[in-house]
Amino acid sequence: MAALADGGYPGRDRELPRWGLLLGYGLVIELVQWPLSYREFSWLDLVANLAGVLLYIGLRAWVGWRLRRPGVPSRSRP
């Protein structure tokens, strides 16, 4: 979902609202599950959501850094 949100709302000025909305969506899902007898609220799910967003941000930064490195020849075919 992080990649979809990133593609749907590009731009550095939308970074914080984008990730905040994703984490808020995860919180809403957990709050909906809380009163249900066959589901349960889990803080670990919220931690997993946060870890997923942070992992995506890290991978996006790493891939961007790898693509922008000066002096590294590209792997284009001859």
N, C-alpha and C. Protein backbone atom coordinates (compact mmCIF):
# COMPACT_ATOMS: atom_id res chain seq x y z
N MET A 1 0.81 -1.19 0.00
CA MET A 1 0.00 0.00 0.00
C MET A 1 0.86 1.26 0.00
N ALA A 2 2.05 1.16 0.58
CA ALA A 2 2.93 2.32 0.62
C ALA A 2 3.35 2.72 -0.79
N ALA A 3 3.65 1.73 -1.63
CA ALA A 3 4.04 2.04 -3.01
C ALA A 3 2.88 2.66 -3.78
N LEU A 4 1.68 2.16 -3.55
CA LEU A 4 0.51 2.74 -4.23
C LEU A 4 0.26 4.17 -3.76
N ALA A 5 0.39 4.41 -2.47
CA ALA A 5 0.21 5.77 -1.94
C ALA A 5 1.29 6.70 -2.47
N ASP A 6 2.50 6.19 -2.58
CA ASP A 6 3.61 6.99 -3.09
C ASP A 6 3.39 7.34 -4.56
N GLY A 7 2.91 6.39 -5.34
CA GLY A 7 2.64 6.66 -6.74
C GLY A 7 1.42 7.52 -6.97
N GLY A 8 0.43 7.37 -6.11
CA GLY A 8 -0.80 8.14 -6.26
C GLY A 8 -0.69 9.59 -5.81
N TYR A 9 0.19 9.85 -4.84
CA TYR A 9 0.38 11.19 -4.31
C TYR A 9 1.87 11.52 -4.27
N PRO A 10 2.50 11.66 -5.45
CA PRO A 10 3.94 11.93 -5.46
C PRO A 10 4.27 13.33 -4.95
N GLY A 11 5.50 13.50 -4.59
CA GLY A 11 5.97 14.81 -4.15
C GLY A 11 6.42 14.80 -2.71
N ARG A 12 7.52 15.52 -2.46
CA ARG A 12 8.07 15.54 -1.11
C ARG A 12 7.20 16.36 -0.15
N ASP A 13 6.40 17.28 -0.67
CA ASP A 13 5.56 18.08 0.21
C ASP A 13 4.39 17.28 0.78
N ARG A 14 4.14 16.10 0.24
CA ARG A 14 3.05 15.25 0.71
C ARG A 14 3.54 14.05 1.50
N GLU A 15 4.81 14.02 1.85
CA GLU A 15 5.39 12.87 2.54
C GLU A 15 4.70 12.57 3.88
N LEU A 16 4.67 13.52 4.76
CA LEU A 16 4.13 13.29 6.10
C LEU A 16 2.63 12.96 6.07
N PRO A 17 1.81 13.71 5.32
CA PRO A 17 0.39 13.32 5.28
C PRO A 17 0.18 11.92 4.68
N ARG A 18 0.97 11.58 3.69
CA ARG A 18 0.82 10.27 3.04
C ARG A 18 1.07 9.14 4.03
N TRP A 19 2.17 9.19 4.74
CA TRP A 19 2.51 8.11 5.68
C TRP A 19 1.60 8.16 6.90
N GLY A 20 1.21 9.36 7.30
CA GLY A 20 0.28 9.48 8.43
C GLY A 20 -1.08 8.88 8.10
N LEU A 21 -1.55 9.10 6.89
CA LEU A 21 -2.83 8.52 6.48
C LEU A 21 -2.75 7.00 6.40
N LEU A 22 -1.64 6.47 5.92
CA LEU A 22 -1.49 5.01 5.87
C LEU A 22 -1.50 4.41 7.27
N LEU A 23 -0.77 5.02 8.18
CA LEU A 23 -0.75 4.50 9.55
C LEU A 23 -2.10 4.71 10.23
N GLY A 24 -2.76 5.82 9.92
CA GLY A 24 -4.10 6.05 10.46
C GLY A 24 -5.10 5.03 9.94
N TYR A 25 -4.95 4.64 8.69
CA TYR A 25 -5.82 3.61 8.11
C TYR A 25 -5.64 2.29 8.85
N GLY A 26 -4.39 1.95 9.14
CA GLY A 26 -4.13 0.73 9.91
C GLY A 26 -4.74 0.80 11.30
N LEU A 27 -4.68 1.97 11.92
CA LEU A 27 -5.28 2.14 13.25
C LEU A 27 -6.80 2.00 13.18
N VAL A 28 -7.41 2.57 12.16
CA VAL A 28 -8.87 2.45 12.02
C VAL A 28 -9.27 0.99 11.84
N ILE A 29 -8.52 0.25 11.06
CA ILE A 29 -8.82 -1.17 10.87
C ILE A 29 -8.75 -1.90 12.21
N GLU A 30 -7.73 -1.59 13.01
CA GLU A 30 -7.60 -2.23 14.32
C GLU A 30 -8.75 -1.83 15.25
N LEU A 31 -9.16 -0.57 15.20
CA LEU A 31 -10.28 -0.13 16.05
C LEU A 31 -11.59 -0.78 15.64
N VAL A 32 -11.76 -1.02 14.36
CA VAL A 32 -12.97 -1.72 13.90
C VAL A 32 -12.96 -3.16 14.39
N GLN A 33 -11.80 -3.78 14.45
CA GLN A 33 -11.70 -5.17 14.88
C GLN A 33 -11.88 -5.34 16.39
N TRP A 34 -11.62 -4.29 17.15
CA TRP A 34 -11.62 -4.37 18.61
C TRP A 34 -12.94 -4.90 19.19
N PRO A 35 -14.11 -4.38 18.81
CA PRO A 35 -15.34 -4.88 19.44
C PRO A 35 -15.84 -6.21 18.86
N LEU A 36 -15.25 -6.69 17.79
CA LEU A 36 -15.73 -7.92 17.17
C LEU A 36 -15.27 -9.13 17.96
N SER A 37 -16.16 -10.09 18.14
CA SER A 37 -15.83 -11.26 18.96
C SER A 37 -14.87 -12.21 18.24
N TYR A 38 -14.88 -12.21 16.93
CA TYR A 38 -14.03 -13.13 16.17
C TYR A 38 -12.74 -12.48 15.67
N ARG A 39 -12.49 -11.23 16.03
CA ARG A 39 -11.25 -10.51 15.68
C ARG A 39 -10.72 -9.86 16.95
N GLU A 40 -9.48 -9.38 16.90
CA GLU A 40 -8.94 -8.71 18.09
C GLU A 40 -8.03 -7.56 17.69
N PHE A 41 -7.98 -6.57 18.55
CA PHE A 41 -7.07 -5.43 18.40
C PHE A 41 -5.67 -5.90 18.75
N SER A 42 -4.71 -5.52 17.94
CA SER A 42 -3.33 -5.93 18.20
C SER A 42 -2.37 -4.77 17.97
N TRP A 43 -1.63 -4.44 19.02
CA TRP A 43 -0.59 -3.42 18.88
C TRP A 43 0.51 -3.89 17.94
N LEU A 44 0.72 -5.19 17.88
CA LEU A 44 1.76 -5.72 16.98
C LEU A 44 1.41 -5.48 15.52
N ASP A 45 0.13 -5.47 15.20
CA ASP A 45 -0.28 -5.13 13.83
C ASP A 45 0.08 -3.69 13.50
N LEU A 46 -0.10 -2.80 14.45
CA LEU A 46 0.27 -1.40 14.23
C LEU A 46 1.79 -1.26 14.08
N VAL A 47 2.53 -2.01 14.87
CA VAL A 47 3.99 -2.00 14.74
C VAL A 47 4.41 -2.55 13.38
N ALA A 48 3.72 -3.61 12.92
CA ALA A 48 4.02 -4.17 11.61
C ALA A 48 3.70 -3.17 10.50
N ASN A 49 2.62 -2.42 10.64
CA ASN A 49 2.29 -1.38 9.66
C ASN A 49 3.39 -0.32 9.61
N LEU A 50 3.84 0.11 10.78
CA LEU A 50 4.91 1.10 10.85
C LEU A 50 6.19 0.54 10.24
N ALA A 51 6.52 -0.70 10.55
CA ALA A 51 7.73 -1.31 9.99
C ALA A 51 7.64 -1.40 8.47
N GLY A 52 6.47 -1.72 7.95
CA GLY A 52 6.29 -1.79 6.50
C GLY A 52 6.49 -0.44 5.83
N VAL A 53 5.95 0.61 6.42
CA VAL A 53 6.13 1.95 5.86
C VAL A 53 7.60 2.36 5.92
N LEU A 54 8.25 2.10 7.06
CA LEU A 54 9.67 2.46 7.18
C LEU A 54 10.54 1.65 6.23
N LEU A 55 10.23 0.39 6.05
CA LEU A 55 10.97 -0.45 5.11
C LEU A 55 10.81 0.08 3.69
N TYR A 56 9.61 0.45 3.32
CA TYR A 56 9.39 1.00 1.98
C TYR A 56 10.17 2.30 1.79
N ILE A 57 10.13 3.19 2.78
CA ILE A 57 10.85 4.46 2.67
C ILE A 57 12.35 4.20 2.53
N GLY A 58 12.87 3.26 3.32
CA GLY A 58 14.28 2.92 3.23
C GLY A 58 14.66 2.33 1.88
N LEU A 59 13.87 1.40 1.39
CA LEU A 59 14.16 0.80 0.08
C LEU A 59 14.06 1.82 -1.04
N ARG A 60 13.08 2.71 -0.95
CA ARG A 60 12.94 3.75 -1.97
C ARG A 60 14.16 4.67 -1.97
N ALA A 61 14.64 5.03 -0.78
CA ALA A 61 15.82 5.88 -0.69
C ALA A 61 17.06 5.15 -1.21
N TRP A 62 17.19 3.87 -0.88
CA TRP A 62 18.35 3.10 -1.32
C TRP A 62 18.36 2.95 -2.84
N VAL A 63 17.22 2.62 -3.41
CA VAL A 63 17.15 2.47 -4.87
C VAL A 63 17.43 3.81 -5.55
N GLY A 64 16.87 4.88 -5.04
CA GLY A 64 17.15 6.20 -5.60
C GLY A 64 18.61 6.57 -5.50
N TRP A 65 19.24 6.24 -4.40
CA TRP A 65 20.68 6.51 -4.24
C TRP A 65 21.48 5.69 -5.24
N ARG A 66 21.13 4.42 -5.42
CA ARG A 66 21.85 3.56 -6.36
C ARG A 66 21.72 4.07 -7.79
N LEU A 67 20.58 4.61 -8.14
CA LEU A 67 20.38 5.10 -9.49
C LEU A 67 21.05 6.44 -9.74
N ARG A 68 21.28 7.22 -8.71
CA ARG A 68 21.86 8.56 -8.86
C ARG A 68 23.36 8.61 -8.63
N ARG A 69 23.99 7.50 -8.28
CA ARG A 69 25.42 7.55 -7.97
C ARG A 69 26.21 7.98 -9.20
N PRO A 70 27.04 9.01 -9.08
CA PRO A 70 27.86 9.44 -10.22
C PRO A 70 29.04 8.49 -10.41
N GLY A 71 29.43 8.33 -11.65
CA GLY A 71 30.60 7.53 -11.96
C GLY A 71 30.38 6.04 -12.02
N VAL A 72 29.17 5.61 -11.85
CA VAL A 72 28.88 4.18 -11.94
C VAL A 72 28.27 3.92 -13.30
N PRO A 73 28.91 3.09 -14.10
CA PRO A 73 28.36 2.84 -15.44
C PRO A 73 27.03 2.09 -15.35
N SER A 74 26.15 2.43 -16.28
CA SER A 74 24.85 1.74 -16.29
C SER A 74 25.04 0.38 -16.94
N ARG A 75 24.09 -0.49 -16.68
CA ARG A 75 24.16 -1.85 -17.19
C ARG A 75 23.34 -1.99 -18.47
N SER A 76 23.48 -1.06 -19.39
CA SER A 76 22.73 -1.15 -20.63
C SER A 76 23.39 -2.14 -21.57
N ARG A 77 22.60 -2.74 -22.41
CA ARG A 77 23.12 -3.73 -23.34
C ARG A 77 23.76 -3.03 -24.54
N PRO A 78 24.80 -3.61 -25.10
CA PRO A 78 25.47 -2.97 -26.26
C PRO A 78 24.63 -3.02 -27.50
